[in-house]
Amino acid sequence: MFRFITSIAGTSPEPFPSSTEFDASKVNPGPIGGLVFLFLTIAVVILLFSFNRHIKRVNFEQDDTEQ
């Protein structure tokens, strides 16, 4: 059984061998990643302002009987 599995898998030391070497120092998000990050940052800031405005409108009246 083990011979069968190794014959199918091959003799590569990597699980998924690639034809080119991967250089981690050359990886960057690019302009699309920057735009996505900018959009998400602006969306979070707008949501925080909206949340703050809605919280200010809430009327917290506490009953004296509930303690």
Protein backbone atom coordinates (compact mmCIF):
# COMPACT_ATOMS: atom_id res chain seq x y z
CA MET A 1 0.00 0.00 0.00
CA PHE A 2 2.82 2.40 0.88
CA ARG A 3 4.54 1.75 -2.47
CA PHE A 4 1.33 2.56 -4.29
CA ILE A 5 0.94 5.89 -2.48
CA THR A 6 4.56 6.91 -3.06
CA SER A 7 4.35 6.01 -6.74
CA ILE A 8 1.31 8.26 -7.13
CA ALA A 9 2.77 11.09 -5.07
CA GLY A 10 6.14 11.05 -6.85
CA THR A 11 9.52 11.77 -5.35
CA SER A 12 9.29 15.54 -4.96
CA PRO A 13 10.49 16.91 -1.59
CA GLU A 14 7.74 19.56 -1.71
CA PRO A 15 4.05 18.75 -1.54
CA PHE A 16 3.29 21.08 -4.48
CA PRO A 17 6.46 21.72 -6.49
CA SER A 18 6.51 24.92 -8.50
CA SER A 19 8.36 25.64 -11.71
CA THR A 20 9.73 28.94 -10.35
CA GLU A 21 11.22 29.87 -7.01
CA PHE A 22 9.10 32.04 -4.72
CA ASP A 23 10.83 35.15 -3.36
CA ALA A 24 8.94 36.41 -0.31
CA SER A 25 10.75 39.78 -0.37
CA LYS A 26 9.17 40.68 -3.73
CA VAL A 27 5.57 40.17 -2.61
CA ASN A 28 3.53 43.35 -2.12
CA PRO A 29 -0.17 44.17 -2.11
CA GLY A 30 0.00 46.38 -5.19
CA PRO A 31 -2.34 49.25 -6.06
CA ILE A 32 -5.52 47.17 -5.72
CA GLY A 33 -4.57 46.11 -2.19
CA GLY A 34 -3.89 49.74 -1.29
CA LEU A 35 -7.26 50.84 -2.63
CA VAL A 36 -9.05 48.07 -0.73
CA PHE A 37 -7.24 49.04 2.48
CA LEU A 38 -8.12 52.73 1.95
CA PHE A 39 -11.77 51.87 1.27
CA LEU A 40 -12.02 49.70 4.40
CA THR A 41 -10.39 52.40 6.54
CA ILE A 42 -12.81 55.06 5.30
CA ALA A 43 -15.77 52.70 5.82
CA VAL A 44 -14.73 51.99 9.42
CA VAL A 45 -14.36 55.71 10.20
CA ILE A 46 -17.80 56.47 8.73
CA LEU A 47 -19.33 53.60 10.71
CA LEU A 48 -17.74 54.89 13.93
CA PHE A 49 -19.19 58.37 13.39
CA SER A 50 -22.60 56.87 12.62
CA PHE A 51 -22.45 54.63 15.68
CA ASN A 52 -21.51 57.57 17.89
CA ARG A 53 -24.38 59.68 16.52
CA HIS A 54 -26.93 56.91 17.10
CA ILE A 55 -25.69 56.22 20.64
CA LYS A 56 -26.12 59.91 21.52
CA ARG A 57 -29.80 59.72 20.49
CA VAL A 58 -30.58 56.82 22.84
CA ASN A 59 -32.45 57.87 25.98
CA PHE A 60 -31.31 55.82 28.96
CA GLU A 61 -33.95 56.32 31.63
CA GLN A 62 -33.44 54.17 34.68
CA ASP A 63 -36.36 53.38 36.98
CA ASP A 64 -35.86 53.93 40.70
CA THR A 65 -37.56 50.61 41.46
CA GLU A 66 -34.96 48.62 39.52
CA GLN A 67 -31.82 48.33 41.60
